[in-house]
Amino acid sequence: MKQKRLCIYPKDIVKITGKSERYARNLIQKIKEKLNKEEHQFITVEEFCAYAGFEPEKVKEVMID
């Protein structure tokens, strides 16, 4: 069984949204600010989906391994 990641990276957001990597990095920063996370902390797939309005299962299907 393949291990799934818990966190989302800019490359995943690029593939999901079709936007640039700069956009993806900025979006992650906005989500961290909204969730009061520190710079070293990661964003989970569920946190990204809650912010962006996506269904987690669909996002996990598209994510790059």
PDB file of N, CA and C in Angstrom:
ATOM      1  N   MET A   1       0.850  -1.186   0.000  1.00  0.00           N
ATOM      2  CA  MET A   1       0.000   0.000   0.000  1.00  0.00           C
ATOM      3  C   MET A   1       0.888   1.239   0.000  1.00  0.00           C
ATOM      4  N   LYS A   2       0.545   2.176  -0.827  1.00  0.00           N
ATOM      5  CA  LYS A   2       1.338   3.387  -0.977  1.00  0.00           C
ATOM      6  C   LYS A   2       1.046   4.375   0.154  1.00  0.00           C
ATOM      7  N   GLN A   3       2.116   4.937   0.722  1.00  0.00           N
ATOM      8  CA  GLN A   3       1.992   5.913   1.805  1.00  0.00           C
ATOM      9  C   GLN A   3       1.546   7.257   1.233  1.00  0.00           C
ATOM     10  N   LYS A   4       0.530   7.859   1.804  1.00  0.00           N
ATOM     11  CA  LYS A   4       0.063   9.179   1.383  1.00  0.00           C
ATOM     12  C   LYS A   4       0.660  10.233   2.296  1.00  0.00           C
ATOM     13  N   ARG A   5       0.968  11.385   1.727  1.00  0.00           N
ATOM     14  CA  ARG A   5       1.507  12.488   2.523  1.00  0.00           C
ATOM     15  C   ARG A   5       0.398  13.192   3.271  1.00  0.00           C
ATOM     16  N   LEU A   6       0.747  13.787   4.402  1.00  0.00           N
ATOM     17  CA  LEU A   6      -0.201  14.566   5.189  1.00  0.00           C
ATOM     18  C   LEU A   6      -0.166  16.036   4.795  1.00  0.00           C
ATOM     19  N   CYS A   7       0.992  16.508   4.345  1.00  0.00           N
ATOM     20  CA  CYS A   7       1.134  17.937   4.054  1.00  0.00           C
ATOM     21  C   CYS A   7       1.095  18.192   2.555  1.00  0.00           C
ATOM     22  N   ILE A   8       0.802  19.433   2.222  1.00  0.00           N
ATOM     23  CA  ILE A   8       0.693  19.836   0.823  1.00  0.00           C
ATOM     24  C   ILE A   8       1.819  20.810   0.514  1.00  0.00           C
ATOM     25  N   TYR A   9       2.358  20.699  -0.684  1.00  0.00           N
ATOM     26  CA  TYR A   9       3.479  21.523  -1.125  1.00  0.00           C
ATOM     27  C   TYR A   9       3.054  22.405  -2.302  1.00  0.00           C
ATOM     28  N   PRO A  10       3.836  23.446  -2.587  1.00  0.00           N
ATOM     29  CA  PRO A  10       3.494  24.314  -3.717  1.00  0.00           C
ATOM     30  C   PRO A  10       3.309  23.562  -5.035  1.00  0.00           C
ATOM     31  N   LYS A  11       4.130  22.551  -5.289  1.00  0.00           N
ATOM     32  CA  LYS A  11       3.998  21.805  -6.551  1.00  0.00           C
ATOM     33  C   LYS A  11       2.636  21.125  -6.667  1.00  0.00           C
ATOM     34  N   ASP A  12       2.075  20.708  -5.530  1.00  0.00           N
ATOM     35  CA  ASP A  12       0.739  20.114  -5.536  1.00  0.00           C
ATOM     36  C   ASP A  12      -0.313  21.166  -5.893  1.00  0.00           C
ATOM     37  N   ILE A  13      -0.189  22.348  -5.295  1.00  0.00           N
ATOM     38  CA  ILE A  13      -1.146  23.430  -5.549  1.00  0.00           C
ATOM     39  C   ILE A  13      -1.069  23.877  -7.003  1.00  0.00           C
ATOM     40  N   VAL A  14       0.138  23.895  -7.574  1.00  0.00           N
ATOM     41  CA  VAL A  14       0.299  24.244  -8.993  1.00  0.00           C
ATOM     42  C   VAL A  14      -0.485  23.263  -9.857  1.00  0.00           C
ATOM     43  N   LYS A  15      -0.352  21.977  -9.557  1.00  0.00           N
ATOM     44  CA  LYS A  15      -1.051  20.964 -10.355  1.00  0.00           C
ATOM     45  C   LYS A  15      -2.566  21.045 -10.165  1.00  0.00           C
ATOM     46  N   ILE A  16      -3.012  21.332  -8.950  1.00  0.00           N
ATOM     47  CA  ILE A  16      -4.444  21.383  -8.645  1.00  0.00           C
ATOM     48  C   ILE A  16      -5.102  22.614  -9.275  1.00  0.00           C
ATOM     49  N   THR A  17      -4.453  23.777  -9.162  1.00  0.00           N
ATOM     50  CA  THR A  17      -5.075  25.028  -9.588  1.00  0.00           C
ATOM     51  C   THR A  17      -4.664  25.491 -10.979  1.00  0.00           C
ATOM     52  N   GLY A  18      -3.505  25.031 -11.452  1.00  0.00           N
ATOM     53  CA  GLY A  18      -3.007  25.510 -12.738  1.00  0.00           C
ATOM     54  C   GLY A  18      -2.354  26.875 -12.634  1.00  0.00           C
ATOM     55  N   LYS A  19      -2.184  27.363 -11.417  1.00  0.00           N
ATOM     56  CA  LYS A  19      -1.553  28.665 -11.188  1.00  0.00           C
ATOM     57  C   LYS A  19      -0.040  28.479 -11.073  1.00  0.00           C
ATOM     58  N   SER A  20       0.680  29.588 -10.941  1.00  0.00           N
ATOM     59  CA  SER A  20       2.139  29.556 -10.868  1.00  0.00           C
ATOM     60  C   SER A  20       2.625  29.070  -9.507  1.00  0.00           C
ATOM     61  N   GLU A  21       3.909  28.730  -9.445  1.00  0.00           N
ATOM     62  CA  GLU A  21       4.499  28.310  -8.172  1.00  0.00           C
ATOM     63  C   GLU A  21       4.545  29.471  -7.190  1.00  0.00           C
ATOM     64  N   ARG A  22       4.755  30.674  -7.684  1.00  0.00           N
ATOM     65  CA  ARG A  22       4.747  31.852  -6.810  1.00  0.00           C
ATOM     66  C   ARG A  22       3.377  32.006  -6.160  1.00  0.00           C
ATOM     67  N   TYR A  23       2.315  31.845  -6.943  1.00  0.00           N
ATOM     68  CA  TYR A  23       0.956  31.908  -6.404  1.00  0.00           C
ATOM     69  C   TYR A  23       0.784  30.857  -5.308  1.00  0.00           C
ATOM     70  N   ALA A  24       1.263  29.646  -5.568  1.00  0.00           N
ATOM     71  CA  ALA A  24       1.117  28.551  -4.603  1.00  0.00           C
ATOM     72  C   ALA A  24       1.849  28.859  -3.302  1.00  0.00           C
ATOM     73  N   ARG A  25       3.061  29.393  -3.403  1.00  0.00           N
ATOM     74  CA  ARG A  25       3.815  29.742  -2.189  1.00  0.00           C
ATOM     75  C   ARG A  25       3.099  30.828  -1.402  1.00  0.00           C
ATOM     76  N   ASN A  26       2.581  31.833  -2.112  1.00  0.00           N
ATOM     77  CA  ASN A  26       1.842  32.913  -1.446  1.00  0.00           C
ATOM     78  C   ASN A  26       0.567  32.394  -0.783  1.00  0.00           C
ATOM     79  N   LEU A  27      -0.096  31.464  -1.439  1.00  0.00           N
ATOM     80  CA  LEU A  27      -1.318  30.887  -0.882  1.00  0.00           C
ATOM     81  C   LEU A  27      -1.012  30.115   0.403  1.00  0.00           C
ATOM     82  N   ILE A  28       0.050  29.352   0.397  1.00  0.00           N
ATOM     83  CA  ILE A  28       0.440  28.627   1.611  1.00  0.00           C
ATOM     84  C   ILE A  28       0.732  29.609   2.733  1.00  0.00           C
ATOM     85  N   GLN A  29       1.392  30.710   2.419  1.00  0.00           N
ATOM     86  CA  GLN A  29       1.692  31.724   3.434  1.00  0.00           C
ATOM     87  C   GLN A  29       0.401  32.327   3.997  1.00  0.00           C
ATOM     88  N   LYS A  30      -0.568  32.615   3.130  1.00  0.00           N
ATOM     89  CA  LYS A  30      -1.853  33.158   3.581  1.00  0.00           C
ATOM     90  C   LYS A  30      -2.578  32.179   4.507  1.00  0.00           C
ATOM     91  N   ILE A  31      -2.548  30.901   4.145  1.00  0.00           N
ATOM     92  CA  ILE A  31      -3.211  29.889   4.964  1.00  0.00           C
ATOM     93  C   ILE A  31      -2.532  29.797   6.329  1.00  0.00           C
ATOM     94  N   LYS A  32      -1.202  29.831   6.343  1.00  0.00           N
ATOM     95  CA  LYS A  32      -0.468  29.784   7.614  1.00  0.00           C
ATOM     96  C   LYS A  32      -0.832  30.980   8.493  1.00  0.00           C
ATOM     97  N   GLU A  33      -0.927  32.161   7.896  1.00  0.00           N
ATOM     98  CA  GLU A  33      -1.298  33.356   8.659  1.00  0.00           C
ATOM     99  C   GLU A  33      -2.709  33.220   9.222  1.00  0.00           C
ATOM    100  N   LYS A  34      -3.630  32.735   8.401  1.00  0.00           N
ATOM    101  CA  LYS A  34      -5.016  32.589   8.849  1.00  0.00           C
ATOM    102  C   LYS A  34      -5.131  31.582   9.993  1.00  0.00           C
ATOM    103  N   LEU A  35      -4.317  30.523   9.945  1.00  0.00           N
ATOM    104  CA  LEU A  35      -4.377  29.469  10.962  1.00  0.00           C
ATOM    105  C   LEU A  35      -3.411  29.717  12.123  1.00  0.00           C
ATOM    106  N   ASN A  36      -2.749  30.877  12.111  1.00  0.00           N
ATOM    107  CA  ASN A  36      -1.776  31.231  13.156  1.00  0.00           C
ATOM    108  C   ASN A  36      -0.682  30.182  13.310  1.00  0.00           C
ATOM    109  N   LYS A  37      -0.189  29.691  12.184  1.00  0.00           N
ATOM    110  CA  LYS A  37       0.902  28.715  12.203  1.00  0.00           C
ATOM    111  C   LYS A  37       2.230  29.445  12.101  1.00  0.00           C
ATOM    112  N   GLU A  38       3.252  28.837  12.649  1.00  0.00           N
ATOM    113  CA  GLU A  38       4.589  29.395  12.552  1.00  0.00           C
ATOM    114  C   GLU A  38       5.206  29.025  11.215  1.00  0.00           C
ATOM    115  N   GLU A  39       6.280  29.724  10.854  1.00  0.00           N
ATOM    116  CA  GLU A  39       6.899  29.542   9.539  1.00  0.00           C
ATOM    117  C   GLU A  39       7.345  28.109   9.283  1.00  0.00           C
ATOM    118  N   HIS A  40       7.834  27.421  10.306  1.00  0.00           N
ATOM    119  CA  HIS A  40       8.360  26.065  10.135  1.00  0.00           C
ATOM    120  C   HIS A  40       7.274  24.994  10.079  1.00  0.00           C
ATOM    121  N   GLN A  41       6.032  25.357  10.382  1.00  0.00           N
ATOM    122  CA  GLN A  41       4.952  24.377  10.404  1.00  0.00           C
ATOM    123  C   GLN A  41       4.387  24.150   9.005  1.00  0.00           C
ATOM    124  N   PHE A  42       3.898  22.945   8.783  1.00  0.00           N
ATOM    125  CA  PHE A  42       3.343  22.557   7.491  1.00  0.00           C
ATOM    126  C   PHE A  42       1.834  22.791   7.436  1.00  0.00           C
ATOM    127  N   ILE A  43       1.309  22.810   6.216  1.00  0.00           N
ATOM    128  CA  ILE A  43      -0.126  22.896   5.967  1.00  0.00           C
ATOM    129  C   ILE A  43      -0.587  21.499   5.547  1.00  0.00           C
ATOM    130  N   THR A  44      -1.632  21.005   6.186  1.00  0.00           N
ATOM    131  CA  THR A  44      -2.146  19.689   5.815  1.00  0.00           C
ATOM    132  C   THR A  44      -3.073  19.807   4.608  1.00  0.00           C
ATOM    133  N   VAL A  45      -3.312  18.680   3.983  1.00  0.00           N
ATOM    134  CA  VAL A  45      -4.241  18.640   2.846  1.00  0.00           C
ATOM    135  C   VAL A  45      -5.620  19.115   3.293  1.00  0.00           C
ATOM    136  N   GLU A  46      -6.044  18.689   4.463  1.00  0.00           N
ATOM    137  CA  GLU A  46      -7.366  19.070   4.971  1.00  0.00           C
ATOM    138  C   GLU A  46      -7.458  20.574   5.226  1.00  0.00           C
ATOM    139  N   GLU A  47      -6.396  21.174   5.762  1.00  0.00           N
ATOM    140  CA  GLU A  47      -6.387  22.621   6.000  1.00  0.00           C
ATOM    141  C   GLU A  47      -6.456  23.383   4.677  1.00  0.00           C
ATOM    142  N   PHE A  48      -5.701  22.919   3.693  1.00  0.00           N
ATOM    143  CA  PHE A  48      -5.737  23.545   2.370  1.00  0.00           C
ATOM    144  C   PHE A  48      -7.139  23.448   1.777  1.00  0.00           C
ATOM    145  N   CYS A  49      -7.746  22.273   1.856  1.00  0.00           N
ATOM    146  CA  CYS A  49      -9.074  22.056   1.280  1.00  0.00           C
ATOM    147  C   CYS A  49     -10.134  22.911   1.972  1.00  0.00           C
ATOM    148  N   ALA A  50     -10.040  23.025   3.287  1.00  0.00           N
ATOM    149  CA  ALA A  50     -10.993  23.851   4.024  1.00  0.00           C
ATOM    150  C   ALA A  50     -10.879  25.304   3.592  1.00  0.00           C
ATOM    151  N   TYR A  51      -9.676  25.773   3.363  1.00  0.00           N
ATOM    152  CA  TYR A  51      -9.451  27.156   2.954  1.00  0.00           C
ATOM    153  C   TYR A  51      -9.903  27.385   1.511  1.00  0.00           C
ATOM    154  N   ALA A  52      -9.534  26.451   0.626  1.00  0.00           N
ATOM    155  CA  ALA A  52      -9.777  26.633  -0.806  1.00  0.00           C
ATOM    156  C   ALA A  52     -11.136  26.132  -1.266  1.00  0.00           C
ATOM    157  N   GLY A  53     -11.824  25.348  -0.434  1.00  0.00           N
ATOM    158  CA  GLY A  53     -13.147  24.855  -0.809  1.00  0.00           C
ATOM    159  C   GLY A  53     -13.123  23.615  -1.686  1.00  0.00           C
ATOM    160  N   PHE A  54     -12.058  22.834  -1.603  1.00  0.00           N
ATOM    161  CA  PHE A  54     -11.957  21.591  -2.370  1.00  0.00           C
ATOM    162  C   PHE A  54     -12.315  20.408  -1.480  1.00  0.00           C
ATOM    163  N   GLU A  55     -12.660  19.295  -2.128  1.00  0.00           N
ATOM    164  CA  GLU A  55     -12.901  18.054  -1.404  1.00  0.00           C
ATOM    165  C   GLU A  55     -11.565  17.332  -1.235  1.00  0.00           C
ATOM    166  N   PRO A  56     -11.203  16.969   0.002  1.00  0.00           N
ATOM    167  CA  PRO A  56      -9.901  16.341   0.241  1.00  0.00           C
ATOM    168  C   PRO A  56      -9.628  15.100  -0.610  1.00  0.00           C
ATOM    169  N   GLU A  57     -10.619  14.274  -0.832  1.00  0.00           N
ATOM    170  CA  GLU A  57     -10.397  13.050  -1.612  1.00  0.00           C
ATOM    171  C   GLU A  57     -10.012  13.364  -3.053  1.00  0.00           C
ATOM    172  N   LYS A  58     -10.627  14.370  -3.642  1.00  0.00           N
ATOM    173  CA  LYS A  58     -10.288  14.749  -5.011  1.00  0.00           C
ATOM    174  C   LYS A  58      -8.888  15.333  -5.085  1.00  0.00           C
ATOM    175  N   VAL A  59      -8.514  16.118  -4.082  1.00  0.00           N
ATOM    176  CA  VAL A  59      -7.185  16.709  -4.054  1.00  0.00           C
ATOM    177  C   VAL A  59      -6.127  15.621  -3.907  1.00  0.00           C
ATOM    178  N   LYS A  60      -6.382  14.644  -3.045  1.00  0.00           N
ATOM    179  CA  LYS A  60      -5.419  13.553  -2.837  1.00  0.00           C
ATOM    180  C   LYS A  60      -5.204  12.747  -4.110  1.00  0.00           C
ATOM    181  N   GLU A  61      -6.226  12.637  -4.935  1.00  0.00           N
ATOM    182  CA  GLU A  61      -6.090  11.921  -6.202  1.00  0.00           C
ATOM    183  C   GLU A  61      -5.137  12.636  -7.160  1.00  0.00           C
ATOM    184  N   VAL A  62      -5.124  13.963  -7.094  1.00  0.00           N
ATOM    185  CA  VAL A  62      -4.339  14.766  -8.027  1.00  0.00           C
ATOM    186  C   VAL A  62      -2.918  15.018  -7.522  1.00  0.00           C
ATOM    187  N   MET A  63      -2.705  14.907  -6.224  1.00  0.00           N
ATOM    188  CA  MET A  63      -1.405  15.254  -5.641  1.00  0.00           C
ATOM    189  C   MET A  63      -0.263  14.459  -6.258  1.00  0.00           C
ATOM    190  N   ILE A  64       0.872  15.127  -6.394  1.00  0.00           N
ATOM    191  CA  ILE A  64       2.093  14.535  -6.926  1.00  0.00           C
ATOM    192  C   ILE A  64       2.795  13.804  -5.807  1.00  0.00           C
ATOM    193  N   ASP A  65       3.273  12.584  -6.068  1.00  0.00           N
ATOM    194  CA  ASP A  65       3.996  11.827  -5.039  1.00  0.00           C
ATOM    195  C   ASP A  65       5.426  12.260  -4.904  1.00  0.00           C
TER     196      ASP A  65
END
